[in-house]
């Protein structure tokens, strides 16, 4: 595993979360600095996004099923990240 290494996977996870939730960038950065579990969640989110992006390269007979699976995983992890961030401040 890559915990505490600050390696490229961790940066990739942070970048993916920032792309998905650009208005929450300060919260994402702050939480990622202090919460290893949140960093791991972001890494998983980035990996799921990558898998979804590469689904077209899978064999034809499994492509649609995997694409659906990866899309669901991306959305589930995005919702989990959003819950970890808590309510957005300044929204009415």
N, C-alpha and C. Protein backbone atom coordinates (compact mmCIF):
# COMPACT_ATOMS: atom_id res chain seq x y z
N UNK A 1 0.83 -1.19 0.00
CA UNK A 1 0.00 0.00 0.00
C UNK A 1 0.87 1.24 0.00
N UNK A 2 0.21 2.36 -0.26
CA UNK A 2 0.92 3.60 -0.44
C UNK A 2 0.63 4.60 0.67
N UNK A 3 0.16 4.13 1.81
CA UNK A 3 -0.21 5.03 2.91
C UNK A 3 0.99 5.81 3.39
N UNK A 4 0.78 7.08 3.63
CA UNK A 4 1.77 8.00 4.16
C UNK A 4 2.93 8.25 3.22
N UNK A 5 2.88 7.79 2.00
CA UNK A 5 3.99 8.00 1.10
C UNK A 5 3.89 9.33 0.36
N UNK A 6 2.65 9.85 0.26
CA UNK A 6 2.48 11.08 -0.49
C UNK A 6 2.76 10.88 -1.96
N UNK A 7 2.66 9.66 -2.42
CA UNK A 7 3.01 9.32 -3.78
C UNK A 7 1.99 9.77 -4.79
N UNK A 8 2.20 9.38 -6.04
CA UNK A 8 1.36 9.86 -7.13
C UNK A 8 -0.08 9.38 -7.02
N UNK A 9 -0.32 8.20 -6.46
CA UNK A 9 -1.70 7.75 -6.31
C UNK A 9 -2.49 8.69 -5.41
N UNK A 10 -1.85 9.12 -4.34
CA UNK A 10 -2.52 10.04 -3.43
C UNK A 10 -2.84 11.35 -4.13
N UNK A 11 -1.93 11.88 -4.91
CA UNK A 11 -2.18 13.10 -5.66
C UNK A 11 -3.26 12.91 -6.69
N UNK A 12 -3.30 11.73 -7.29
CA UNK A 12 -4.33 11.41 -8.28
C UNK A 12 -5.70 11.38 -7.63
N UNK A 13 -5.77 10.83 -6.43
CA UNK A 13 -7.04 10.78 -5.70
C UNK A 13 -7.53 12.17 -5.34
N UNK A 14 -6.62 12.99 -4.85
CA UNK A 14 -6.97 14.37 -4.49
C UNK A 14 -7.45 15.12 -5.73
N UNK A 15 -6.74 14.97 -6.84
CA UNK A 15 -7.12 15.65 -8.08
C UNK A 15 -8.50 15.21 -8.55
N UNK A 16 -8.80 13.92 -8.43
CA UNK A 16 -10.12 13.42 -8.85
C UNK A 16 -11.23 14.02 -7.99
N UNK A 17 -11.01 14.09 -6.69
CA UNK A 17 -12.02 14.67 -5.80
C UNK A 17 -12.20 16.16 -6.09
N UNK A 18 -11.12 16.85 -6.37
CA UNK A 18 -11.20 18.28 -6.68
C UNK A 18 -11.94 18.52 -7.99
N UNK A 19 -11.74 17.64 -8.96
CA UNK A 19 -12.48 17.76 -10.24
C UNK A 19 -13.97 17.55 -10.02
N UNK A 20 -14.31 16.58 -9.20
CA UNK A 20 -15.72 16.24 -8.97
C UNK A 20 -16.43 17.31 -8.13
N UNK A 21 -15.72 17.86 -7.16
CA UNK A 21 -16.31 18.84 -6.23
C UNK A 21 -15.47 20.13 -6.20
N UNK A 22 -15.41 20.86 -7.29
CA UNK A 22 -14.52 22.04 -7.33
C UNK A 22 -14.90 23.13 -6.32
N UNK A 23 -16.16 23.24 -5.98
CA UNK A 23 -16.56 24.27 -5.02
C UNK A 23 -16.22 23.89 -3.58
N UNK A 24 -15.78 22.67 -3.37
CA UNK A 24 -15.44 22.20 -2.02
C UNK A 24 -13.93 22.00 -1.88
N UNK A 25 -13.14 22.63 -2.75
CA UNK A 25 -11.70 22.36 -2.81
C UNK A 25 -10.98 22.61 -1.48
N UNK A 26 -11.32 23.67 -0.79
CA UNK A 26 -10.67 23.94 0.49
C UNK A 26 -10.96 22.84 1.50
N UNK A 27 -12.21 22.42 1.59
CA UNK A 27 -12.57 21.33 2.51
C UNK A 27 -11.86 20.04 2.13
N UNK A 28 -11.80 19.74 0.84
CA UNK A 28 -11.15 18.52 0.37
C UNK A 28 -9.67 18.53 0.75
N UNK A 29 -9.01 19.64 0.50
CA UNK A 29 -7.58 19.74 0.82
C UNK A 29 -7.34 19.61 2.32
N UNK A 30 -8.15 20.29 3.11
CA UNK A 30 -7.98 20.23 4.57
C UNK A 30 -8.21 18.83 5.11
N UNK A 31 -9.29 18.19 4.66
CA UNK A 31 -9.62 16.86 5.13
C UNK A 31 -8.57 15.84 4.68
N UNK A 32 -8.07 16.00 3.48
CA UNK A 32 -7.07 15.05 2.97
C UNK A 32 -5.75 15.15 3.74
N UNK A 33 -5.46 16.32 4.28
CA UNK A 33 -4.22 16.48 5.04
C UNK A 33 -4.28 15.77 6.39
N UNK A 34 -5.48 15.64 6.95
CA UNK A 34 -5.57 15.10 8.30
C UNK A 34 -6.24 13.73 8.41
N UNK A 35 -6.82 13.23 7.32
CA UNK A 35 -7.60 12.01 7.42
C UNK A 35 -7.15 10.98 6.38
N UNK A 36 -6.44 9.98 6.84
CA UNK A 36 -5.92 8.94 5.95
C UNK A 36 -7.05 8.17 5.28
N UNK A 37 -8.13 7.94 5.99
CA UNK A 37 -9.27 7.24 5.43
C UNK A 37 -9.88 8.02 4.27
N UNK A 38 -9.98 9.33 4.41
CA UNK A 38 -10.50 10.17 3.35
C UNK A 38 -9.58 10.12 2.14
N UNK A 39 -8.28 10.17 2.36
CA UNK A 39 -7.33 10.06 1.25
C UNK A 39 -7.51 8.75 0.51
N UNK A 40 -7.70 7.66 1.25
CA UNK A 40 -7.93 6.36 0.63
C UNK A 40 -9.21 6.34 -0.18
N UNK A 41 -10.24 6.98 0.33
CA UNK A 41 -11.52 7.07 -0.37
C UNK A 41 -11.33 7.81 -1.70
N UNK A 42 -10.55 8.89 -1.67
CA UNK A 42 -10.28 9.65 -2.89
C UNK A 42 -9.46 8.82 -3.88
N UNK A 43 -8.52 8.05 -3.38
CA UNK A 43 -7.73 7.17 -4.25
C UNK A 43 -8.63 6.13 -4.90
N UNK A 44 -9.54 5.56 -4.13
CA UNK A 44 -10.48 4.58 -4.68
C UNK A 44 -11.38 5.23 -5.74
N UNK A 45 -11.79 6.46 -5.49
CA UNK A 45 -12.61 7.21 -6.43
C UNK A 45 -11.86 7.41 -7.75
N UNK A 46 -10.61 7.82 -7.65
CA UNK A 46 -9.80 8.01 -8.86
C UNK A 46 -9.61 6.71 -9.62
N UNK A 47 -9.39 5.61 -8.91
CA UNK A 47 -9.22 4.31 -9.55
C UNK A 47 -10.51 3.88 -10.26
N UNK A 48 -11.64 4.15 -9.65
CA UNK A 48 -12.93 3.81 -10.27
C UNK A 48 -13.16 4.66 -11.52
N UNK A 49 -12.80 5.93 -11.46
CA UNK A 49 -12.92 6.80 -12.64
C UNK A 49 -12.04 6.29 -13.78
N UNK A 50 -10.84 5.88 -13.44
CA UNK A 50 -9.91 5.35 -14.44
C UNK A 50 -10.46 4.07 -15.06
N UNK A 51 -10.99 3.19 -14.22
CA UNK A 51 -11.56 1.95 -14.72
C UNK A 51 -12.73 2.24 -15.66
N UNK A 52 -13.57 3.20 -15.30
CA UNK A 52 -14.69 3.57 -16.16
C UNK A 52 -14.19 4.13 -17.49
N UNK A 53 -13.19 4.98 -17.43
CA UNK A 53 -12.64 5.57 -18.65
C UNK A 53 -12.03 4.51 -19.57
N UNK A 54 -11.52 3.44 -19.00
CA UNK A 54 -10.87 2.38 -19.78
C UNK A 54 -11.82 1.23 -20.13
N UNK A 55 -13.07 1.32 -19.77
CA UNK A 55 -14.02 0.23 -20.01
C UNK A 55 -14.17 -0.11 -21.49
N UNK A 56 -14.01 0.87 -22.35
CA UNK A 56 -14.15 0.62 -23.79
C UNK A 56 -13.07 -0.31 -24.33
N UNK A 57 -12.01 -0.50 -23.59
CA UNK A 57 -10.93 -1.39 -24.02
C UNK A 57 -11.15 -2.83 -23.58
N UNK A 58 -12.17 -3.07 -22.81
CA UNK A 58 -12.48 -4.43 -22.35
C UNK A 58 -13.09 -5.24 -23.49
N UNK A 59 -13.03 -6.56 -23.38
CA UNK A 59 -13.67 -7.40 -24.39
C UNK A 59 -15.15 -7.06 -24.53
N UNK A 60 -15.63 -7.11 -25.74
CA UNK A 60 -16.99 -6.70 -26.06
C UNK A 60 -18.04 -7.37 -25.18
N UNK A 61 -17.88 -8.66 -24.91
CA UNK A 61 -18.91 -9.40 -24.18
C UNK A 61 -19.06 -8.99 -22.72
N UNK A 62 -18.11 -8.24 -22.15
CA UNK A 62 -18.22 -7.79 -20.75
C UNK A 62 -18.25 -6.27 -20.62
N UNK A 63 -18.05 -5.59 -21.73
CA UNK A 63 -17.87 -4.13 -21.71
C UNK A 63 -19.04 -3.39 -21.06
N UNK A 64 -20.26 -3.63 -21.50
CA UNK A 64 -21.42 -2.89 -20.97
C UNK A 64 -21.65 -3.18 -19.49
N UNK A 65 -21.51 -4.44 -19.12
CA UNK A 65 -21.70 -4.80 -17.71
C UNK A 65 -20.66 -4.12 -16.82
N UNK A 66 -19.41 -4.12 -17.25
CA UNK A 66 -18.36 -3.49 -16.45
C UNK A 66 -18.53 -1.98 -16.41
N UNK A 67 -18.92 -1.39 -17.53
CA UNK A 67 -19.14 0.05 -17.57
C UNK A 67 -20.22 0.44 -16.55
N UNK A 68 -21.29 -0.31 -16.51
CA UNK A 68 -22.37 -0.06 -15.54
C UNK A 68 -21.86 -0.23 -14.12
N UNK A 69 -21.08 -1.28 -13.89
CA UNK A 69 -20.52 -1.53 -12.57
C UNK A 69 -19.59 -0.39 -12.14
N UNK A 70 -18.70 0.03 -13.04
CA UNK A 70 -17.75 1.10 -12.70
C UNK A 70 -18.46 2.43 -12.50
N UNK A 71 -19.49 2.71 -13.30
CA UNK A 71 -20.24 3.96 -13.15
C UNK A 71 -20.92 4.00 -11.78
N UNK A 72 -21.49 2.86 -11.37
CA UNK A 72 -22.11 2.78 -10.05
C UNK A 72 -21.10 2.97 -8.94
N UNK A 73 -19.91 2.40 -9.11
CA UNK A 73 -18.86 2.55 -8.11
C UNK A 73 -18.41 4.00 -8.01
N UNK A 74 -18.25 4.66 -9.15
CA UNK A 74 -17.86 6.09 -9.16
C UNK A 74 -18.90 6.91 -8.40
N UNK A 75 -20.18 6.69 -8.70
CA UNK A 75 -21.23 7.47 -8.04
C UNK A 75 -21.32 7.17 -6.55
N UNK A 76 -21.14 5.91 -6.18
CA UNK A 76 -21.17 5.53 -4.77
C UNK A 76 -20.02 6.18 -3.99
N UNK A 77 -18.84 6.15 -4.57
CA UNK A 77 -17.68 6.76 -3.90
C UNK A 77 -17.82 8.28 -3.86
N UNK A 78 -18.38 8.88 -4.90
CA UNK A 78 -18.61 10.33 -4.89
C UNK A 78 -19.56 10.71 -3.76
N UNK A 79 -20.60 9.92 -3.58
CA UNK A 79 -21.55 10.18 -2.50
C UNK A 79 -20.88 10.01 -1.14
N UNK A 80 -20.00 9.04 -1.02
CA UNK A 80 -19.28 8.81 0.24
C UNK A 80 -18.34 9.99 0.54
N UNK A 81 -17.67 10.49 -0.48
CA UNK A 81 -16.80 11.66 -0.30
C UNK A 81 -17.63 12.86 0.13
N UNK A 82 -18.76 13.04 -0.52
CA UNK A 82 -19.63 14.17 -0.19
C UNK A 82 -20.11 14.09 1.26
N UNK A 83 -20.47 12.89 1.70
CA UNK A 83 -20.89 12.71 3.11
C UNK A 83 -19.73 13.02 4.06
N UNK A 84 -18.53 12.59 3.70
CA UNK A 84 -17.37 12.87 4.56
C UNK A 84 -17.08 14.35 4.65
N UNK A 85 -17.38 15.09 3.60
CA UNK A 85 -17.14 16.54 3.61
C UNK A 85 -18.17 17.26 4.46
N UNK A 86 -19.32 16.64 4.65
CA UNK A 86 -20.37 17.27 5.44
C UNK A 86 -21.13 18.31 4.63
N UNK A 87 -22.04 18.99 5.28
CA UNK A 87 -22.85 19.98 4.58
C UNK A 87 -21.98 21.10 4.01
N UNK A 88 -22.33 21.55 2.82
CA UNK A 88 -21.60 22.66 2.21
C UNK A 88 -21.95 23.96 2.96
N UNK A 89 -20.95 24.74 3.23
CA UNK A 89 -21.17 26.01 3.92
C UNK A 89 -21.50 27.10 2.91
N UNK A 90 -22.36 28.01 3.31
CA UNK A 90 -22.69 29.15 2.49
C UNK A 90 -23.75 28.90 1.44
N UNK A 91 -24.36 27.70 1.45
CA UNK A 91 -25.43 27.41 0.49
C UNK A 91 -26.77 27.56 1.18
N UNK A 92 -27.71 28.11 0.47
CA UNK A 92 -29.05 28.26 1.05
C UNK A 92 -30.04 27.41 0.34
